[in-house]
Protein backbone atom coordinates (compact mmCIF):
# COMPACT_ATOMS: atom_id res chain seq x y z
CA MET A 1 150.57 85.51 106.26
CA THR A 2 149.68 89.39 106.84
CA ASN A 3 147.73 91.43 109.11
CA LEU A 4 145.01 91.88 106.42
CA ASP A 5 145.02 88.12 105.60
CA ILE A 6 144.23 87.12 109.25
CA TRP A 7 141.45 89.72 109.73
CA THR A 8 140.08 88.59 106.01
CA TYR A 9 140.11 84.71 107.03
CA SER A 10 138.75 85.45 110.20
CA VAL A 11 135.73 87.62 109.24
CA VAL A 12 134.97 85.62 106.48
CA GLY A 13 135.22 82.36 107.92
CA PHE A 14 133.05 83.60 110.82
CA THR A 15 130.37 84.80 108.47
CA PHE A 16 130.47 81.48 106.28
CA ALA A 17 130.46 79.43 109.35
CA LEU A 18 126.94 81.31 110.57
CA TYR A 19 125.38 81.03 107.06
CA ILE A 20 125.92 77.28 107.28
CA GLY A 21 124.89 76.90 111.01
CA ILE A 22 121.71 78.60 110.25
CA ALA A 23 121.08 76.61 106.86
CA ILE A 24 121.52 73.34 108.93
CA TRP A 25 119.40 74.60 111.57
CA ALA A 26 116.46 75.68 109.35
CA ARG A 27 116.87 72.43 107.17
CA ALA A 28 113.64 72.09 105.19
CA GLY A 29 111.76 69.14 106.01
CA THR A 30 108.62 69.46 103.84
CA THR A 31 107.98 71.04 100.50
CA GLY A 32 106.10 74.26 102.04
CA GLU A 33 109.36 74.68 104.13
CA PHE A 34 111.49 74.23 101.00
CA TYR A 35 109.41 76.79 98.41
CA VAL A 36 107.80 79.17 101.11
CA ALA A 37 109.46 78.75 104.35
CA GLY A 38 106.19 77.35 105.64
CA LYS A 39 104.75 80.78 105.28
CA GLY A 40 105.62 81.73 108.87
CA VAL A 41 108.31 84.58 108.50
CA HIS A 42 107.76 87.71 110.49
CA PRO A 43 107.23 90.97 107.97
CA VAL A 44 110.32 93.05 108.97
CA ALA A 45 112.41 89.73 108.75
CA ASN A 46 111.09 88.94 105.61
CA GLY A 47 111.91 92.38 104.42
CA MET A 48 115.38 92.24 105.43
CA ALA A 49 115.67 88.59 103.80
CA THR A 50 113.89 90.27 100.54
CA ALA A 51 116.46 92.97 100.52
CA ALA A 52 119.26 90.81 100.70
CA ASP A 53 117.64 88.47 97.89
CA TRP A 54 117.52 91.85 95.95
CA MET A 55 120.84 93.34 96.63
CA SER A 56 122.65 90.84 94.62
CA ALA A 57 126.47 90.97 93.63
CA ALA A 58 125.18 93.39 91.00
CA SER A 59 124.12 95.76 93.58
CA PHE A 60 126.86 95.54 95.92
CA ILE A 61 129.75 94.70 93.75
CA SER A 62 129.16 95.96 90.37
CA MET A 63 126.97 98.83 90.29
CA ALA A 64 128.93 101.49 92.31
CA GLY A 65 131.79 100.30 89.68
CA LEU A 66 129.41 101.07 86.69
CA ILE A 67 128.62 104.60 88.49
CA ALA A 68 132.24 105.18 88.97
CA PHE A 69 132.97 104.67 85.07
CA ASN A 70 129.89 105.86 84.01
CA GLY A 71 129.14 108.72 86.18
CA TYR A 72 125.77 110.23 85.58
CA GLY A 73 124.87 107.93 83.08
CA ALA A 74 124.67 104.77 85.14
CA SER A 75 121.99 106.27 87.24
CA VAL A 76 119.83 104.27 84.93
CA PHE A 77 120.65 101.19 87.58
CA LEU A 78 119.55 103.04 90.51
CA MET A 79 116.29 104.63 89.10
CA GLY A 80 115.17 101.51 87.18
CA TRP A 81 115.94 98.69 90.14
CA THR A 82 114.22 100.99 92.54
CA GLY A 83 111.48 102.23 90.52
CA GLY A 84 110.82 98.62 89.72
CA TYR A 85 110.62 97.39 93.15
CA VAL A 86 108.00 100.00 94.09
CA LEU A 87 106.28 98.58 90.88
CA LEU A 88 106.24 95.20 92.03
CA ALA A 89 105.38 96.18 95.70
CA LEU A 90 102.19 98.39 94.63
CA LEU A 91 100.92 96.42 91.40
CA LEU A 92 101.85 92.64 92.02
CA ALA A 93 102.99 91.58 95.10
CA PRO A 94 99.73 91.69 96.94
CA TYR A 95 97.50 90.19 94.37
CA LEU A 96 99.84 87.48 93.77
CA ARG A 97 100.02 86.92 97.52
CA LYS A 98 96.40 86.62 97.47
CA PHE A 99 96.04 84.54 94.64
CA GLY A 100 97.63 81.80 96.97
CA LYS A 101 100.08 79.98 94.53
CA PHE A 102 103.59 79.18 95.64
CA THR A 103 105.33 79.97 92.21
CA VAL A 104 104.87 82.12 89.21
CA PRO A 105 104.60 79.74 86.69
CA GLU A 106 101.54 77.98 88.78
CA PHE A 107 100.10 81.53 88.74
CA ILE A 108 100.31 81.70 85.23
CA GLY A 109 98.99 78.22 84.59
CA ASP A 110 96.23 78.56 86.67
CA ARG A 111 94.98 82.20 85.53
CA TYR A 112 95.62 81.20 82.06
CA TYR A 113 93.83 77.66 82.73
CA SER A 114 96.65 76.17 80.43
CA GLN A 115 99.41 73.82 81.04
CA ALA A 116 101.10 74.93 77.42
CA ALA A 117 101.14 78.61 79.35
CA ARG A 118 102.61 77.21 82.38
CA ILE A 119 105.38 75.50 80.42
CA VAL A 120 106.08 78.62 78.67
CA ALA A 121 106.17 80.44 81.80
CA VAL A 122 108.77 77.74 83.20
CA ILE A 123 111.13 78.32 80.01
CA CYS A 124 110.90 81.91 80.38
CA LEU A 125 111.77 81.96 84.09
CA ILE A 126 114.67 79.66 83.63
CA LEU A 127 116.49 81.59 81.06
CA ALA A 128 115.97 84.78 82.95
CA SER A 129 116.80 83.00 86.44
CA ILE A 130 119.93 81.45 84.59
CA THR A 131 121.01 84.33 82.97
CA TYR A 132 120.99 86.26 86.28
CA VAL A 133 122.71 83.62 88.26
CA ILE A 134 125.79 84.16 85.74
CA GLY A 135 126.06 87.57 86.62
CA GLN A 136 126.21 86.44 90.45
CA MET A 137 129.03 83.93 89.35
CA LYS A 138 130.65 86.75 87.84
CA GLY A 139 130.57 88.46 91.61
CA ILE A 140 131.46 85.40 93.54
CA GLY A 141 134.58 84.69 91.25
CA VAL A 142 135.93 88.29 91.73
CA ALA A 143 135.24 88.48 95.25
CA PHE A 144 136.62 84.73 96.06
CA SER A 145 139.76 85.32 93.72
CA ARG A 146 140.51 88.64 95.60
CA PHE A 147 139.81 86.84 99.12
CA LEU A 148 141.96 83.69 98.62
CA GLU A 149 144.42 85.70 96.02
CA THR A 150 143.85 83.22 93.35
CA SER A 151 142.51 83.07 89.66
CA TYR A 152 138.92 84.42 88.82
CA GLU A 153 138.12 80.99 87.68
CA MET A 154 139.24 79.10 90.79
CA GLY A 155 137.44 81.76 92.77
CA LEU A 156 134.38 81.04 90.72
CA TYR A 157 134.71 76.82 91.45
CA ILE A 158 135.26 77.59 95.02
CA GLY A 159 132.07 79.90 95.29
CA MET A 160 129.98 77.46 93.33
CA GLY A 161 130.90 74.86 96.02
CA ILE A 162 129.74 77.21 98.73
CA VAL A 163 126.42 78.02 97.20
CA ALA A 164 125.53 74.38 96.56
CA ILE A 165 126.33 73.50 100.30
CA TYR A 166 123.48 75.94 102.06
CA ALA A 167 121.25 76.67 99.06
CA VAL A 168 120.59 72.64 98.52
CA LEU A 169 120.48 71.93 102.13
CA GLY A 170 118.01 74.67 103.51
CA GLY A 171 115.35 75.48 100.87
CA MET A 172 113.19 78.72 101.19
CA LYS A 173 113.43 78.11 104.90
CA GLY A 174 117.22 77.92 105.40
CA ILE A 175 117.84 80.49 102.77
CA THR A 176 115.34 83.19 104.23
CA TYR A 177 117.48 83.02 107.64
CA THR A 178 120.81 83.09 106.11
CA GLN A 179 119.65 86.11 104.02
CA ILE A 180 118.65 88.11 107.12
CA ALA A 181 122.49 87.33 108.38
CA GLN A 182 124.15 88.38 105.24
CA TYR A 183 121.95 91.60 105.04
CA VAL A 184 123.56 92.64 108.24
CA VAL A 185 126.75 91.86 106.79
CA LEU A 186 126.43 93.49 103.38
CA ILE A 187 124.98 96.65 104.66
CA MET A 188 127.69 97.02 107.58
CA ALA A 189 130.38 96.19 104.70
CA TYR A 190 128.84 98.85 102.22
CA THR A 191 128.12 101.81 104.73
CA ILE A 192 131.07 101.67 107.03
CA PRO A 193 133.80 102.22 104.70
CA ALA A 194 131.70 104.82 102.58
CA ILE A 195 131.65 107.09 106.16
CA PHE A 196 135.22 106.68 106.45
CA ILE A 197 136.14 107.61 102.73
CA SER A 198 133.44 110.46 102.90
CA LEU A 199 135.10 111.94 105.93
CA THR A 200 138.53 111.78 104.50
CA LEU A 201 137.49 113.39 101.26
CA THR A 202 134.62 115.85 102.41
CA GLY A 203 134.86 115.94 106.24
CA ILE A 204 131.12 114.71 106.15
CA PRO A 205 130.38 111.59 107.76
CA LEU A 206 127.54 110.84 105.99
CA PRO A 207 128.23 109.62 102.18
CA GLN A 208 124.73 110.85 100.79
CA ILE A 209 125.73 114.26 101.81
CA GLY A 210 129.43 113.96 101.14
CA LEU A 211 128.96 113.20 97.45
CA GLY A 212 127.88 116.85 97.13
CA GLY A 213 130.26 118.51 99.86
CA GLY A 214 133.28 120.12 99.47
CA TYR A 215 136.34 118.41 98.84
CA VAL A 216 139.08 118.38 101.49
CA GLU A 217 142.61 117.79 100.91
CA ASP A 218 145.55 117.49 103.70
CA GLY A 219 142.60 118.05 106.03
CA ALA A 220 141.81 121.66 104.64
CA GLN A 221 139.09 122.69 102.21
CA THR A 222 140.08 123.16 98.82
CA GLY A 223 137.08 125.52 97.48
CA MET A 224 135.98 122.75 95.19
CA THR A 225 132.90 120.24 95.45
CA LEU A 226 133.76 116.67 95.63
CA LEU A 227 132.07 116.16 92.24
CA GLY A 228 133.78 119.42 90.52
CA LYS A 229 137.24 117.85 91.62
CA LEU A 230 136.08 114.60 90.00
CA ASP A 231 135.08 116.39 86.69
CA GLN A 232 138.48 117.91 86.73
CA VAL A 233 140.47 114.81 87.15
CA VAL A 234 138.62 112.80 84.57
CA THR A 235 138.53 115.36 81.65
CA ASP A 236 142.39 116.21 82.45
CA LEU A 237 143.22 112.68 81.24
CA GLY A 238 140.35 112.71 78.23
CA PHE A 239 137.54 111.08 79.87
CA LYS A 240 133.95 112.30 79.67
CA GLU A 241 132.93 114.91 82.20
CA TYR A 242 131.51 112.53 85.21
CA THR A 243 128.63 114.46 86.02
CA THR A 244 126.99 114.79 82.26
CA GLN A 245 128.37 111.41 81.02
CA VAL A 246 125.26 109.37 79.45
CA MET A 247 124.94 105.79 78.40
CA GLY A 248 124.13 106.15 74.79
CA SER A 249 121.32 108.28 73.54
CA THR A 250 118.43 109.88 75.65
CA LEU A 251 115.98 107.37 74.29
CA ASN A 252 118.79 104.49 75.28
CA MET A 253 118.61 105.88 79.11
CA PHE A 254 115.28 105.82 79.09
CA VAL A 255 114.42 102.49 77.75
CA TYR A 256 116.83 101.05 79.93
CA THR A 257 115.40 102.30 83.11
CA LEU A 258 111.89 101.21 82.06
CA SER A 259 113.52 97.74 81.12
CA LEU A 260 115.18 97.50 84.47
CA MET A 261 112.13 98.47 86.36
CA ILE A 262 109.51 96.19 84.85
CA GLY A 263 111.82 93.25 84.50
CA THR A 264 112.31 94.03 88.49
CA ALA A 265 108.39 93.57 88.55
CA GLY A 266 108.65 90.24 86.77
CA LEU A 267 111.46 88.51 88.78
CA PRO A 268 110.29 85.29 89.98
CA HIS A 269 113.08 85.05 92.96
CA VAL A 270 111.58 88.24 94.57
CA ILE A 271 108.09 87.45 93.71
CA ILE A 272 108.12 84.28 95.60
CA ARG A 273 109.37 85.99 98.83
CA PHE A 274 105.94 87.28 99.19
CA PHE A 275 104.70 84.08 99.64
CA THR A 276 106.64 83.37 102.79
CA VAL A 277 104.50 85.70 105.24
CA PRO A 278 101.29 84.55 106.83
CA LYS A 279 98.72 87.11 105.24
CA VAL A 280 98.48 89.40 102.10
CA LYS A 281 98.62 92.56 104.78
CA ASP A 282 102.07 91.20 105.67
CA ALA A 283 103.23 91.02 101.83
CA ARG A 284 102.73 94.76 101.79
CA TYR A 285 104.56 95.48 105.24
CA SER A 286 107.43 92.89 103.76
CA ALA A 287 107.62 95.16 100.63
CA GLY A 288 107.80 98.39 102.73
CA TRP A 289 110.33 97.35 105.00
CA ALA A 290 112.41 95.57 102.20
CA LEU A 291 112.51 99.01 100.58
CA VAL A 292 113.88 101.06 103.58
CA PHE A 293 116.41 98.28 103.83
CA ILE A 294 117.22 98.60 100.23
CA ALA A 295 117.59 102.43 100.44
CA LEU A 296 120.11 102.27 103.00
CA LEU A 297 122.35 100.77 100.15
CA TYR A 298 121.07 102.65 97.21
CA THR A 299 121.41 106.16 98.20
CA THR A 300 125.03 104.88 99.23
CA ALA A 301 126.13 103.69 96.00
CA PRO A 302 126.35 107.00 94.20
CA ALA A 303 128.93 108.34 96.85
CA VAL A 304 130.84 105.19 96.79
CA GLY A 305 131.25 105.02 93.10
CA ALA A 306 132.36 108.76 92.72
CA MET A 307 134.90 108.50 95.49
CA ALA A 308 136.04 104.90 94.21
CA ARG A 309 136.80 106.55 91.11
CA LEU A 310 138.83 109.79 92.24
CA ASN A 311 140.54 107.60 94.44
CA LEU A 312 141.87 105.28 91.72
CA MET A 313 142.69 108.04 89.23
CA ASP A 314 144.83 110.12 92.44
CA THR A 315 146.80 106.76 93.17
CA ILE A 316 148.10 106.59 89.55
CA GLN A 317 148.07 110.22 88.37
CA ILE A 318 150.08 111.51 91.15
CA GLY A 319 151.23 114.93 90.08
CA PRO A 320 150.31 117.24 86.93
CA VAL A 321 149.03 115.73 83.66
CA GLY A 322 151.90 115.23 81.17
CA SER A 323 154.89 115.97 83.74
CA GLU A 324 157.76 113.47 83.97
CA GLN A 325 157.35 112.79 87.42
CA GLY A 326 153.46 113.01 87.41
CA ASN A 327 152.76 109.25 86.78
CA LEU A 328 153.24 106.50 89.61
CA LEU A 329 156.25 104.32 88.98
CA TYR A 330 155.21 100.66 88.36
CA GLU A 331 157.82 99.38 90.84
CA ASP A 332 155.95 101.62 93.47
CA ARG A 333 152.63 100.24 92.96
CA PRO A 334 150.63 99.83 96.43
CA GLU A 335 149.91 96.51 97.71
CA TRP A 336 146.24 96.24 96.72
CA PHE A 337 147.49 97.06 93.07
CA LYS A 338 149.42 93.76 93.00
CA LYS A 339 147.01 91.62 94.86
CA TRP A 340 144.38 92.27 92.02
CA GLU A 341 146.98 91.62 89.36
CA THR A 342 147.06 88.22 90.74
CA THR A 343 143.33 87.59 89.93
CA GLY A 344 143.86 89.07 86.23
CA LEU A 345 141.22 91.64 86.60
CA LEU A 346 143.58 94.41 86.95
CA GLN A 347 146.35 94.71 84.28
CA PHE A 348 149.25 96.90 83.18
CA GLU A 349 151.45 96.89 80.08
CA ASP A 350 154.15 99.25 79.80
CA LYS A 351 153.66 100.60 76.31
CA ASN A 352 156.40 103.41 76.27
CA ASP A 353 159.11 101.60 78.53
CA ASP A 354 159.31 104.35 80.99
CA GLY A 355 158.45 102.31 83.91
CA ARG A 356 155.60 104.74 84.73
CA ILE A 357 151.61 103.99 84.70
CA GLN A 358 149.95 105.91 82.18
CA TYR A 359 146.16 105.87 82.47
CA TYR A 360 144.01 107.62 80.14
CA ASN A 361 141.46 107.97 77.61
CA ASP A 362 143.44 106.82 74.39
CA GLY A 363 140.15 106.53 72.37
CA ASN A 364 139.64 110.50 72.72
CA PRO A 365 141.68 111.79 69.39
CA GLU A 366 142.29 115.02 70.80
CA PHE A 367 143.65 113.92 73.88
CA ALA A 368 145.74 111.14 72.32
CA GLU A 369 147.44 113.72 70.21
CA LYS A 370 148.45 115.63 73.28
CA ALA A 371 149.42 112.28 75.19
CA GLU A 372 151.89 111.66 72.10
CA SER A 373 153.72 114.71 73.13
CA PHE A 374 153.90 113.63 76.43
CA GLY A 375 155.79 110.51 74.93
CA TRP A 376 152.91 108.16 76.22
CA LYS A 377 151.95 105.52 73.63
CA GLY A 378 148.60 104.37 74.69
CA ASN A 379 146.87 103.71 77.99
CA GLU A 380 148.55 101.29 79.90
CA MET A 381 146.01 100.27 82.44
CA VAL A 382 144.89 97.54 79.75
CA LYS A 383 142.28 95.91 82.20
CA VAL A 384 140.52 97.83 84.86
CA ASP A 385 137.48 95.32 85.58
CA ARG A 386 134.62 97.53 86.78
CA ASP A 387 133.53 95.02 89.31
CA ILE A 388 136.55 95.58 91.61
CA MET A 389 135.90 98.97 92.50
CA VAL A 390 133.93 98.42 95.58
CA LEU A 391 136.13 95.74 96.97
CA ALA A 392 139.34 97.68 96.18
CA ASN A 393 138.06 101.01 97.45
CA PRO A 394 138.93 100.43 101.02
CA GLU A 395 142.48 99.26 100.07
CA ILE A 396 142.71 102.15 97.67
CA ALA A 397 141.77 104.66 100.44
CA GLY A 398 144.00 102.98 102.87
CA LEU A 399 141.24 102.01 105.50
CA PRO A 400 141.91 99.74 108.70
CA ASN A 401 142.52 95.81 108.03
CA TRP A 402 139.16 95.18 109.75
CA VAL A 403 137.25 97.26 107.12
CA ILE A 404 138.63 95.54 104.19
CA ALA A 405 138.10 92.09 105.49
CA LEU A 406 134.39 93.30 105.99
CA VAL A 407 133.94 94.55 102.65
CA VAL A 408 134.97 91.20 101.14
CA ALA A 409 132.71 89.27 103.58
CA GLY A 410 130.05 91.53 102.42
CA GLY A 411 130.48 91.17 98.76
CA LEU A 412 130.43 87.42 99.26
CA ALA A 413 127.41 87.48 100.99
CA ALA A 414 125.72 89.99 98.36
CA ALA A 415 126.77 87.40 95.56
CA LEU A 416 125.75 84.27 97.70
CA SER A 417 122.32 85.76 99.00
CA THR A 418 120.95 86.17 95.49
CA ALA A 419 122.51 83.30 93.99
CA ALA A 420 120.76 81.03 96.62
CA GLY A 421 117.12 82.99 95.83
CA LEU A 422 117.73 82.55 92.39
CA LEU A 423 118.64 78.77 92.08
CA LEU A 424 115.47 78.05 94.70
CA ALA A 425 113.19 79.65 91.85
CA ILE A 426 114.70 77.68 89.12
CA SER A 427 114.47 74.53 91.28
CA SER A 428 110.89 75.26 92.16
CA ALA A 429 110.09 75.60 88.47
CA ILE A 430 111.28 72.43 87.55
CA SER A 431 110.22 70.23 90.58
CA HIS A 432 106.93 72.01 91.40
CA ASP A 433 105.56 73.40 88.42
CA LEU A 434 106.96 71.06 85.53
CA LEU A 435 107.29 67.70 87.22
CA LYS A 436 104.33 67.91 89.73
CA GLY A 437 102.34 70.39 88.03
CA VAL A 438 102.49 68.80 84.56
CA PHE A 439 104.53 65.60 83.92
CA VAL A 440 104.07 63.80 87.17
CA PRO A 441 101.04 64.99 89.18
CA GLY A 442 101.14 62.12 91.69
CA ILE A 443 104.97 62.59 92.78
CA SER A 444 105.28 62.08 96.39
CA GLU A 445 106.74 65.10 98.46
CA LYS A 446 110.02 63.05 99.32
CA ASN A 447 110.83 62.79 95.56
CA GLU A 448 109.56 66.28 94.79
CA LEU A 449 112.35 67.73 97.12
CA MET A 450 114.63 65.25 95.74
CA ALA A 451 113.89 66.81 92.24
CA GLY A 452 114.34 70.22 93.29
CA ARG A 453 117.67 69.81 94.70
CA ILE A 454 118.89 68.17 91.94
CA SER A 455 117.86 70.43 89.56
CA MET A 456 119.40 73.22 91.86
CA ILE A 457 122.87 71.57 91.45
CA PHE A 458 122.39 71.00 87.68
CA ALA A 459 121.55 74.92 87.52
CA ILE A 460 124.85 75.76 89.59
CA ILE A 461 126.97 73.57 87.30
CA VAL A 462 125.41 75.74 84.29
CA ALA A 463 125.74 79.08 85.55
CA GLY A 464 129.07 78.52 86.84
CA TYR A 465 130.45 77.33 83.34
CA LEU A 466 128.69 80.25 81.66
CA GLY A 467 130.27 82.40 84.56
CA LEU A 468 133.77 81.68 83.21
CA ASN A 469 133.04 83.53 80.03
CA PRO A 470 130.01 86.06 81.21
CA PRO A 471 128.92 88.15 78.60
CA GLY A 472 130.07 91.27 80.55
CA PHE A 473 130.40 92.75 83.72
CA ALA A 474 128.07 91.77 86.56
CA ALA A 475 125.29 94.51 86.58
CA GLY A 476 125.34 94.19 82.63
CA THR A 477 124.78 90.68 82.72
CA VAL A 478 121.78 91.18 85.38
CA ALA A 479 120.43 93.68 83.30
CA ILE A 480 120.06 91.34 80.26
CA ALA A 481 118.18 88.87 82.86
CA PHE A 482 116.17 91.95 83.82
CA GLY A 483 115.14 92.28 80.06
CA LEU A 484 114.30 88.56 79.63
CA ALA A 485 111.87 89.04 82.79
CA ALA A 486 110.33 92.37 81.37
CA SER A 487 109.83 90.82 78.15
CA SER A 488 108.00 87.72 79.02
CA ILE A 489 107.03 87.54 82.42
CA PHE A 490 106.07 90.80 83.60
CA PRO A 491 103.34 91.44 80.79
CA ALA A 492 101.52 87.96 81.43
CA LEU A 493 101.34 89.07 85.21
CA MET A 494 99.84 92.39 84.61
CA MET A 495 97.39 91.33 82.04
CA GLY A 496 96.49 88.20 84.19
CA ILE A 497 95.65 90.65 87.40
CA PHE A 498 94.44 93.66 85.47
CA TYR A 499 92.48 92.64 82.34
CA LYS A 500 90.16 89.85 82.71
CA LYS A 501 89.71 89.12 79.09
CA MET A 502 93.19 88.11 78.31
CA ASN A 503 92.91 84.61 77.13
CA ASN A 504 95.29 81.65 77.36
CA THR A 505 96.19 81.91 73.49
CA GLY A 506 96.92 85.50 73.94
CA ALA A 507 99.29 85.08 77.05
CA VAL A 508 101.24 82.15 75.56
CA ALA A 509 101.73 84.40 72.03
CA GLY A 510 102.74 87.32 73.88
CA MET A 511 105.24 85.48 75.87
CA ILE A 512 106.96 83.60 73.12
CA ALA A 513 107.19 86.69 71.10
CA GLY A 514 108.27 89.17 73.64
CA ILE A 515 110.92 86.83 74.63
CA THR A 516 112.05 85.76 71.17
CA VAL A 517 112.78 89.33 70.00
CA THR A 518 114.46 89.81 73.05
CA LEU A 519 116.51 86.96 72.86
CA LEU A 520 117.76 87.37 69.07
CA TYR A 521 118.54 91.12 69.85
CA VAL A 522 120.86 89.98 72.94
CA PHE A 523 122.25 86.67 70.86
CA GLN A 524 123.19 89.16 67.80
CA HIS A 525 125.37 91.20 70.37
CA LYS A 526 126.70 88.73 72.81
CA GLY A 527 126.73 85.69 71.22
CA ILE A 528 124.38 82.46 71.20
CA PHE A 529 123.48 81.95 74.61
CA PHE A 530 126.74 83.91 75.37
CA VAL A 531 129.25 81.85 73.88
CA PRO A 532 132.13 83.60 72.35
CA GLY A 533 132.37 84.11 68.81
CA THR A 534 128.90 83.31 67.94
CA ASP A 535 127.50 86.77 67.90
CA PHE A 536 125.79 87.52 64.30
CA LEU A 537 125.42 91.32 63.70
CA MET A 538 124.98 91.85 60.39
CA PRO A 539 126.43 95.41 59.36
CA GLN A 540 125.84 94.96 55.55
CA LEU A 541 122.18 94.60 56.35
CA GLY A 542 122.24 97.83 58.17
CA MET A 543 122.39 95.99 61.72
CA GLY A 544 125.48 97.09 63.18
CA PRO A 545 126.10 97.57 67.27
CA ASP A 546 122.77 98.86 68.70
CA TRP A 547 120.97 99.18 65.46
CA PHE A 548 117.34 99.32 66.87
CA PHE A 549 117.00 103.03 67.56
CA GLY A 550 120.84 103.21 69.27
CA ILE A 551 119.01 100.77 72.12
CA SER A 552 121.51 98.67 73.48
CA PRO A 553 120.71 94.82 73.82
CA ASN A 554 121.08 95.28 77.79
CA ALA A 555 118.02 97.69 77.57
CA PHE A 556 116.02 95.71 74.81
CA GLY A 557 113.81 94.24 77.35
CA ALA A 558 111.44 97.02 77.55
CA VAL A 559 110.91 96.42 73.38
CA GLY A 560 110.35 92.96 74.10
CA ALA A 561 107.75 93.80 76.67
CA LEU A 562 105.89 96.09 73.93
CA VAL A 563 105.95 93.53 71.93
CA ASN A 564 104.28 90.89 74.15
CA PHE A 565 101.39 93.29 75.03
CA VAL A 566 100.93 93.96 71.38
CA VAL A 567 100.81 90.15 70.43
CA ALA A 568 98.98 89.08 73.60
CA LEU A 569 96.26 92.12 72.79
CA ILE A 570 95.99 91.33 69.17
CA VAL A 571 95.53 87.44 69.67
CA ALA A 572 93.18 87.50 72.72
CA ALA A 573 90.95 90.01 70.56
CA VAL A 574 90.58 87.50 67.79
CA THR A 575 90.27 84.13 69.80
CA LYS A 576 87.81 82.87 72.55
CA ALA A 577 87.64 85.08 75.57
CA PRO A 578 88.52 83.48 78.86
CA PRO A 579 85.57 80.95 80.59
CA ASP A 580 83.58 83.13 82.94
CA HIS A 581 84.72 81.62 86.43
CA ILE A 582 88.42 82.80 85.32
CA GLN A 583 87.15 86.25 84.83
CA HIS A 584 85.33 86.27 88.29
CA LEU A 585 88.74 84.78 89.59
CA VAL A 586 90.54 87.85 88.37
CA GLU A 587 88.03 90.29 89.76
CA ASP A 588 87.96 88.43 93.33
CA VAL A 589 91.83 88.88 93.44
CA ARG A 590 91.80 92.69 92.86
CA VAL A 591 89.10 92.98 95.97
CA PRO A 592 90.69 94.37 98.69
CA ARG A 593 88.96 92.38 101.36
CA GLY A 594 88.71 88.73 102.15
CA ALA A 595 92.33 87.66 101.47
CA GLY A 596 92.38 83.97 100.51
CA GLU A 597 88.79 83.70 98.82
CA ALA A 598 90.28 83.59 95.51
CA THR A 599 92.26 80.75 96.04
CA GLY A 600 88.88 78.40 96.13
CA HIS A 601 88.31 78.72 92.32
């Protein structure tokens, strides 16, 4: 066992023992503790737990990988996710907390005075949450496969077992205090390596400033900026310029950002957090603190992505492009390269039998011609999974073993914390909203808890199975989940709070229309329920990839939301207005003072 292995097992083992110990200590004994931690969490603690819940595998593991490969275009994730959180904190969280219901479907069922609306909301919530958990499972599989040096599939199975232990045991009470510990681990794991690497590449300890700083080589300033150096390195190998690269058209980037924003504001596992604090005022403070804690990671991510890409390119392209000695010999590949190869997430194929690694953009016709003159026969890095970049970055940069071990622990903490929050949202939707709220109103508290735990285990199995063949990298899969929440839940919440004349018929019709068009567009591209080989694009009818105005399926949630709003407003206009007491209830919820008065209706 190497020194790195000892460090990794020690750090990860300690953090896991801590999480499971907290889950046992804070074991939920009542449904109130299971769903909303007994409403007794301090706003700062809740802000930290919300940040951990929010910063999933997509934020920790995948977002910087996306930034590394998509450059400026990946800013849609930074803008969409942080902007959406502000939207959630200002427009939804305080009002929902004041309404005083445990879950999003409960709010929708009561506000729209309809069991049908509640059931539709539960279905929409489960579809969005399961898709989101698939993204977490991808992150868990990536992190565990590297940590245990096993296949991605085996890493996923082990991760499913760990999630099952502490999410099922503790409920919201256990998850909240576990997530506080996970936040501390993941933020240290993200920022400490970024500081080290920023110092090495720019001489500046703050990565946020280092990103725009001068590039340092062999301890001396080169006269180039870090981003200028990265632009040069990637364009020399036929890739798009890092600082101007976009994801599709300008319209697609705008819609993508909007979809992530409003999807954020409709995600049930984040909204439910605002019910764990004692008062409405505390919900606002929680939101503010969560934004501070989130910003620590989100302002560091662009630097982590850019520096990871530069380190990766420099590892493989060790000399001038096209020169005989310019590419790394495969047999000289570093240890980190070999370890990631065992996971199957990094793959090399020697296409020209020269024993060296050629990594370039063979899809660029102009550069492909030049590459042919060098004797290259195609890009030999046949797989570089974007989700490995954050975890591999400290190893690529040659950082101390304890830092590498800390990053593995942080990646696992990020994936596990959000998976637990999502599973709780799914279990509360099934046990509290469907069983207690609709089908078995007289169910005992003990049986309701049991039903919640069983549905959680079932959700873990489904998400784990789908995670074996995810519809994309972690952040892309999560973007689809945000699109489903954006197209179904967000409009129903917004109109429920700010439009007193929205009735149950309009709300139900809008939710069904919004999520249906979004699902159809996503399934066309990604396969029915993401099963490989079931996609049904029809180029003969003009339905090729991104056929709707060039909008990608990951960004389509905003279009679904527009359909939801339009259908809901038209149907509400031609059907019976809501009863007077519901209209008064909506007005009461929006009054700043008198918290809690609205719950008596």
